[in-house]
């Protein structure tokens, strides 16, 4: 599968992923919301690392050149 996440999109995903991973450490969210924050943060980091977003692939969106 080819990449569909561009440079700016990738950088934003890394920043948002790291912020979501740090959020439970900085603010008490409760068990459920901590888990949601960690899962979504990991998904953002994984899609940035792989440069592939499955949702973009479904809708045939490409943010890379």
PDB file of N, CA and C in Angstrom:
ATOM      1  N   UNK A   1       0.837  -1.168   0.000  1.00  0.00           N
ATOM      2  CA  UNK A   1       0.000   0.000   0.000  1.00  0.00           C
ATOM      3  C   UNK A   1       0.889   1.242   0.000  1.00  0.00           C
ATOM      4  N   UNK A   2       0.506   2.250  -0.760  1.00  0.00           N
ATOM      5  CA  UNK A   2       1.315   3.462  -0.836  1.00  0.00           C
ATOM      6  C   UNK A   2       0.976   4.416   0.306  1.00  0.00           C
ATOM      7  N   UNK A   3       1.853   5.378   0.514  1.00  0.00           N
ATOM      8  CA  UNK A   3       1.643   6.338   1.592  1.00  0.00           C
ATOM      9  C   UNK A   3       0.581   7.355   1.189  1.00  0.00           C
ATOM     10  N   UNK A   4      -0.141   7.865   2.155  1.00  0.00           N
ATOM     11  CA  UNK A   4      -1.153   8.878   1.869  1.00  0.00           C
ATOM     12  C   UNK A   4      -1.148  10.009   2.899  1.00  0.00           C
ATOM     13  N   UNK A   5      -0.114  10.061   3.738  1.00  0.00           N
ATOM     14  CA  UNK A   5      -0.001  11.104   4.758  1.00  0.00           C
ATOM     15  C   UNK A   5       1.218  11.959   4.428  1.00  0.00           C
ATOM     16  N   UNK A   6       0.986  13.249   4.209  1.00  0.00           N
ATOM     17  CA  UNK A   6       2.054  14.171   3.846  1.00  0.00           C
ATOM     18  C   UNK A   6       2.858  14.651   5.044  1.00  0.00           C
ATOM     19  N   UNK A   7       3.841  15.501   4.757  1.00  0.00           N
ATOM     20  CA  UNK A   7       4.772  15.967   5.782  1.00  0.00           C
ATOM     21  C   UNK A   7       4.085  16.786   6.871  1.00  0.00           C
ATOM     22  N   UNK A   8       3.290  17.777   6.488  1.00  0.00           N
ATOM     23  CA  UNK A   8       2.604  18.602   7.482  1.00  0.00           C
ATOM     24  C   UNK A   8       1.602  17.766   8.277  1.00  0.00           C
ATOM     25  N   UNK A   9       0.858  16.927   7.591  1.00  0.00           N
ATOM     26  CA  UNK A   9      -0.107  16.040   8.244  1.00  0.00           C
ATOM     27  C   UNK A   9       0.609  15.126   9.236  1.00  0.00           C
ATOM     28  N   UNK A  10       1.755  14.615   8.825  1.00  0.00           N
ATOM     29  CA  UNK A  10       2.535  13.720   9.676  1.00  0.00           C
ATOM     30  C   UNK A  10       3.015  14.443  10.936  1.00  0.00           C
ATOM     31  N   UNK A  11       3.517  15.660  10.776  1.00  0.00           N
ATOM     32  CA  UNK A  11       3.996  16.436  11.924  1.00  0.00           C
ATOM     33  C   UNK A  11       2.859  16.732  12.899  1.00  0.00           C
ATOM     34  N   UNK A  12       1.697  17.086  12.371  1.00  0.00           N
ATOM     35  CA  UNK A  12       0.546  17.359  13.234  1.00  0.00           C
ATOM     36  C   UNK A  12       0.092  16.108  13.973  1.00  0.00           C
ATOM     37  N   UNK A  13       0.155  14.967  13.305  1.00  0.00           N
ATOM     38  CA  UNK A  13      -0.219  13.702  13.948  1.00  0.00           C
ATOM     39  C   UNK A  13       0.745  13.351  15.084  1.00  0.00           C
ATOM     40  N   UNK A  14       2.032  13.601  14.875  1.00  0.00           N
ATOM     41  CA  UNK A  14       3.018  13.331  15.931  1.00  0.00           C
ATOM     42  C   UNK A  14       2.760  14.237  17.128  1.00  0.00           C
ATOM     43  N   UNK A  15       2.561  15.533  16.880  1.00  0.00           N
ATOM     44  CA  UNK A  15       2.307  16.470  17.979  1.00  0.00           C
ATOM     45  C   UNK A  15       1.033  16.118  18.736  1.00  0.00           C
ATOM     46  N   UNK A  16      -0.032  15.832  18.002  1.00  0.00           N
ATOM     47  CA  UNK A  16      -1.295  15.490  18.647  1.00  0.00           C
ATOM     48  C   UNK A  16      -1.188  14.158  19.387  1.00  0.00           C
ATOM     49  N   UNK A  17      -0.502  13.191  18.783  1.00  0.00           N
ATOM     50  CA  UNK A  17      -0.315  11.899  19.438  1.00  0.00           C
ATOM     51  C   UNK A  17       0.454  12.020  20.740  1.00  0.00           C
ATOM     52  N   UNK A  18       1.531  12.801  20.721  1.00  0.00           N
ATOM     53  CA  UNK A  18       2.309  13.000  21.947  1.00  0.00           C
ATOM     54  C   UNK A  18       1.507  13.750  23.002  1.00  0.00           C
ATOM     55  N   UNK A  19       0.726  14.730  22.566  1.00  0.00           N
ATOM     56  CA  UNK A  19      -0.113  15.478  23.513  1.00  0.00           C
ATOM     57  C   UNK A  19      -1.145  14.563  24.161  1.00  0.00           C
ATOM     58  N   UNK A  20      -1.751  13.687  23.370  1.00  0.00           N
ATOM     59  CA  UNK A  20      -2.757  12.779  23.918  1.00  0.00           C
ATOM     60  C   UNK A  20      -2.135  11.733  24.841  1.00  0.00           C
ATOM     61  N   UNK A  21      -0.895  11.344  24.570  1.00  0.00           N
ATOM     62  CA  UNK A  21      -0.215  10.409  25.467  1.00  0.00           C
ATOM     63  C   UNK A  21       0.185  11.092  26.772  1.00  0.00           C
ATOM     64  N   UNK A  22       0.513  12.373  26.710  1.00  0.00           N
ATOM     65  CA  UNK A  22       0.923  13.109  27.911  1.00  0.00           C
ATOM     66  C   UNK A  22      -0.265  13.579  28.740  1.00  0.00           C
ATOM     67  N   UNK A  23      -1.417  13.708  28.118  1.00  0.00           N
ATOM     68  CA  UNK A  23      -2.592  14.256  28.799  1.00  0.00           C
ATOM     69  C   UNK A  23      -2.939  13.543  30.106  1.00  0.00           C
ATOM     70  N   UNK A  24      -2.976  12.213  30.153  1.00  0.00           N
ATOM     71  CA  UNK A  24      -3.309  11.552  31.427  1.00  0.00           C
ATOM     72  C   UNK A  24      -2.288  11.814  32.534  1.00  0.00           C
ATOM     73  N   UNK A  25      -1.057  12.121  32.160  1.00  0.00           N
ATOM     74  CA  UNK A  25      -0.040  12.421  33.169  1.00  0.00           C
ATOM     75  C   UNK A  25      -0.206  13.827  33.734  1.00  0.00           C
ATOM     76  N   UNK A  26      -0.743  14.726  32.923  1.00  0.00           N
ATOM     77  CA  UNK A  26      -0.861  16.125  33.325  1.00  0.00           C
ATOM     78  C   UNK A  26      -2.202  16.466  33.956  1.00  0.00           C
ATOM     79  N   UNK A  27      -3.237  15.734  33.578  1.00  0.00           N
ATOM     80  CA  UNK A  27      -4.576  16.020  34.099  1.00  0.00           C
ATOM     81  C   UNK A  27      -5.275  14.702  34.414  1.00  0.00           C
ATOM     82  N   UNK A  28      -5.824  14.563  35.599  1.00  0.00           N
ATOM     83  CA  UNK A  28      -6.545  13.328  35.935  1.00  0.00           C
ATOM     84  C   UNK A  28      -7.845  13.234  35.137  1.00  0.00           C
ATOM     85  N   UNK A  29      -7.936  12.230  34.273  1.00  0.00           N
ATOM     86  CA  UNK A  29      -9.094  12.081  33.400  1.00  0.00           C
ATOM     87  C   UNK A  29     -10.070  11.021  33.886  1.00  0.00           C
ATOM     88  N   UNK A  30      -9.633  10.099  34.660  1.00  0.00           N
ATOM     89  CA  UNK A  30     -10.460   8.953  35.016  1.00  0.00           C
ATOM     90  C   UNK A  30     -10.083   7.784  34.126  1.00  0.00           C
ATOM     91  N   UNK A  31     -10.400   6.598  34.549  1.00  0.00           N
ATOM     92  CA  UNK A  31      -9.976   5.389  33.853  1.00  0.00           C
ATOM     93  C   UNK A  31     -10.379   5.291  32.403  1.00  0.00           C
ATOM     94  N   UNK A  32     -11.653   5.515  32.104  1.00  0.00           N
ATOM     95  CA  UNK A  32     -12.145   5.376  30.736  1.00  0.00           C
ATOM     96  C   UNK A  32     -11.480   6.378  29.805  1.00  0.00           C
ATOM     97  N   UNK A  33     -11.464   7.651  30.191  1.00  0.00           N
ATOM     98  CA  UNK A  33     -10.919   8.697  29.324  1.00  0.00           C
ATOM     99  C   UNK A  33      -9.405   8.595  29.194  1.00  0.00           C
ATOM    100  N   UNK A  34      -8.747   8.083  30.209  1.00  0.00           N
ATOM    101  CA  UNK A  34      -7.309   7.845  30.105  1.00  0.00           C
ATOM    102  C   UNK A  34      -7.037   6.809  29.028  1.00  0.00           C
ATOM    103  N   UNK A  35      -7.798   5.734  29.037  1.00  0.00           N
ATOM    104  CA  UNK A  35      -7.638   4.695  28.023  1.00  0.00           C
ATOM    105  C   UNK A  35      -7.914   5.205  26.624  1.00  0.00           C
ATOM    106  N   UNK A  36      -8.974   5.986  26.469  1.00  0.00           N
ATOM    107  CA  UNK A  36      -9.316   6.548  25.158  1.00  0.00           C
ATOM    108  C   UNK A  36      -8.195   7.457  24.674  1.00  0.00           C
ATOM    109  N   UNK A  37      -7.681   8.304  25.554  1.00  0.00           N
ATOM    110  CA  UNK A  37      -6.601   9.222  25.196  1.00  0.00           C
ATOM    111  C   UNK A  37      -5.352   8.458  24.760  1.00  0.00           C
ATOM    112  N   UNK A  38      -5.009   7.409  25.480  1.00  0.00           N
ATOM    113  CA  UNK A  38      -3.830   6.617  25.136  1.00  0.00           C
ATOM    114  C   UNK A  38      -4.003   5.893  23.805  1.00  0.00           C
ATOM    115  N   UNK A  39      -5.162   5.320  23.574  1.00  0.00           N
ATOM    116  CA  UNK A  39      -5.412   4.597  22.324  1.00  0.00           C
ATOM    117  C   UNK A  39      -5.362   5.542  21.132  1.00  0.00           C
ATOM    118  N   UNK A  40      -6.045   6.669  21.222  1.00  0.00           N
ATOM    119  CA  UNK A  40      -6.063   7.614  20.105  1.00  0.00           C
ATOM    120  C   UNK A  40      -4.666   8.196  19.875  1.00  0.00           C
ATOM    121  N   UNK A  41      -3.939   8.474  20.949  1.00  0.00           N
ATOM    122  CA  UNK A  41      -2.571   8.966  20.811  1.00  0.00           C
ATOM    123  C   UNK A  41      -1.678   7.965  20.097  1.00  0.00           C
ATOM    124  N   UNK A  42      -1.806   6.693  20.447  1.00  0.00           N
ATOM    125  CA  UNK A  42      -1.019   5.653  19.780  1.00  0.00           C
ATOM    126  C   UNK A  42      -1.406   5.502  18.313  1.00  0.00           C
ATOM    127  N   UNK A  43      -2.689   5.629  18.008  1.00  0.00           N
ATOM    128  CA  UNK A  43      -3.135   5.544  16.611  1.00  0.00           C
ATOM    129  C   UNK A  43      -2.536   6.688  15.797  1.00  0.00           C
ATOM    130  N   UNK A  44      -2.562   7.902  16.353  1.00  0.00           N
ATOM    131  CA  UNK A  44      -1.970   9.039  15.642  1.00  0.00           C
ATOM    132  C   UNK A  44      -0.475   8.826  15.407  1.00  0.00           C
ATOM    133  N   UNK A  45       0.241   8.345  16.410  1.00  0.00           N
ATOM    134  CA  UNK A  45       1.674   8.104  16.246  1.00  0.00           C
ATOM    135  C   UNK A  45       1.943   6.992  15.238  1.00  0.00           C
ATOM    136  N   UNK A  46       1.132   5.949  15.247  1.00  0.00           N
ATOM    137  CA  UNK A  46       1.321   4.847  14.303  1.00  0.00           C
ATOM    138  C   UNK A  46       1.066   5.292  12.868  1.00  0.00           C
ATOM    139  N   UNK A  47       0.000   6.060  12.652  1.00  0.00           N
ATOM    140  CA  UNK A  47      -0.283   6.519  11.289  1.00  0.00           C
ATOM    141  C   UNK A  47       0.785   7.503  10.814  1.00  0.00           C
ATOM    142  N   UNK A  48       1.361   8.275  11.730  1.00  0.00           N
ATOM    143  CA  UNK A  48       2.449   9.181  11.353  1.00  0.00           C
ATOM    144  C   UNK A  48       3.704   8.383  11.002  1.00  0.00           C
ATOM    145  N   UNK A  49       4.015   7.367  11.781  1.00  0.00           N
ATOM    146  CA  UNK A  49       5.215   6.566  11.537  1.00  0.00           C
ATOM    147  C   UNK A  49       5.111   5.779  10.235  1.00  0.00           C
ATOM    148  N   UNK A  50       3.942   5.241   9.961  1.00  0.00           N
ATOM    149  CA  UNK A  50       3.744   4.436   8.752  1.00  0.00           C
ATOM    150  C   UNK A  50       3.440   5.281   7.520  1.00  0.00           C
ATOM    151  N   UNK A  51       3.091   6.546   7.745  1.00  0.00           N
ATOM    152  CA  UNK A  51       2.674   7.465   6.679  1.00  0.00           C
ATOM    153  C   UNK A  51       1.482   6.899   5.912  1.00  0.00           C
ATOM    154  N   UNK A  52       0.647   6.171   6.617  1.00  0.00           N
ATOM    155  CA  UNK A  52      -0.524   5.549   6.014  1.00  0.00           C
ATOM    156  C   UNK A  52      -1.700   5.664   6.969  1.00  0.00           C
ATOM    157  N   UNK A  53      -2.785   6.259   6.495  1.00  0.00           N
ATOM    158  CA  UNK A  53      -3.997   6.383   7.294  1.00  0.00           C
ATOM    159  C   UNK A  53      -5.093   5.551   6.627  1.00  0.00           C
ATOM    160  N   UNK A  54      -5.604   4.529   7.304  1.00  0.00           N
ATOM    161  CA  UNK A  54      -6.643   3.689   6.709  1.00  0.00           C
ATOM    162  C   UNK A  54      -7.911   4.464   6.353  1.00  0.00           C
ATOM    163  N   UNK A  55      -8.268   5.459   7.146  1.00  0.00           N
ATOM    164  CA  UNK A  55      -9.471   6.247   6.844  1.00  0.00           C
ATOM    165  C   UNK A  55      -9.252   7.060   5.576  1.00  0.00           C
ATOM    166  N   UNK A  56      -8.047   7.630   5.414  1.00  0.00           N
ATOM    167  CA  UNK A  56      -7.729   8.341   4.177  1.00  0.00           C
ATOM    168  C   UNK A  56      -7.812   7.380   2.987  1.00  0.00           C
ATOM    169  N   UNK A  57      -7.340   6.148   3.165  1.00  0.00           N
ATOM    170  CA  UNK A  57      -7.360   5.169   2.080  1.00  0.00           C
ATOM    171  C   UNK A  57      -8.792   4.835   1.662  1.00  0.00           C
ATOM    172  N   UNK A  58      -9.697   4.719   2.619  1.00  0.00           N
ATOM    173  CA  UNK A  58     -11.096   4.415   2.301  1.00  0.00           C
ATOM    174  C   UNK A  58     -11.705   5.507   1.440  1.00  0.00           C
ATOM    175  N   UNK A  59     -11.414   6.763   1.782  1.00  0.00           N
ATOM    176  CA  UNK A  59     -11.999   7.892   1.062  1.00  0.00           C
ATOM    177  C   UNK A  59     -11.093   8.424  -0.048  1.00  0.00           C
ATOM    178  N   UNK A  60     -10.003   7.705  -0.334  1.00  0.00           N
ATOM    179  CA  UNK A  60      -9.071   8.053  -1.407  1.00  0.00           C
ATOM    180  C   UNK A  60      -8.520   9.474  -1.235  1.00  0.00           C
ATOM    181  N   UNK A  61      -8.115   9.809  -0.011  1.00  0.00           N
ATOM    182  CA  UNK A  61      -7.535  11.116   0.303  1.00  0.00           C
ATOM    183  C   UNK A  61      -6.025  10.951   0.411  1.00  0.00           C
ATOM    184  N   UNK A  62      -5.293  11.883  -0.187  1.00  0.00           N
ATOM    185  CA  UNK A  62      -3.831  11.895  -0.093  1.00  0.00           C
ATOM    186  C   UNK A  62      -3.379  13.302   0.257  1.00  0.00           C
ATOM    187  N   UNK A  63      -2.604  13.442   1.325  1.00  0.00           N
ATOM    188  CA  UNK A  63      -2.072  14.749   1.679  1.00  0.00           C
ATOM    189  C   UNK A  63      -0.592  14.859   1.325  1.00  0.00           C
ATOM    190  N   UNK A  64      -0.057  13.844   0.668  1.00  0.00           N
ATOM    191  CA  UNK A  64       1.341  13.897   0.238  1.00  0.00           C
ATOM    192  C   UNK A  64       1.399  14.165  -1.263  1.00  0.00           C
ATOM    193  N   UNK A  65       2.561  14.627  -1.688  1.00  0.00           N
ATOM    194  CA  UNK A  65       2.732  14.953  -3.109  1.00  0.00           C
ATOM    195  C   UNK A  65       3.258  13.770  -3.875  1.00  0.00           C
TER     196      UNK A  65
END
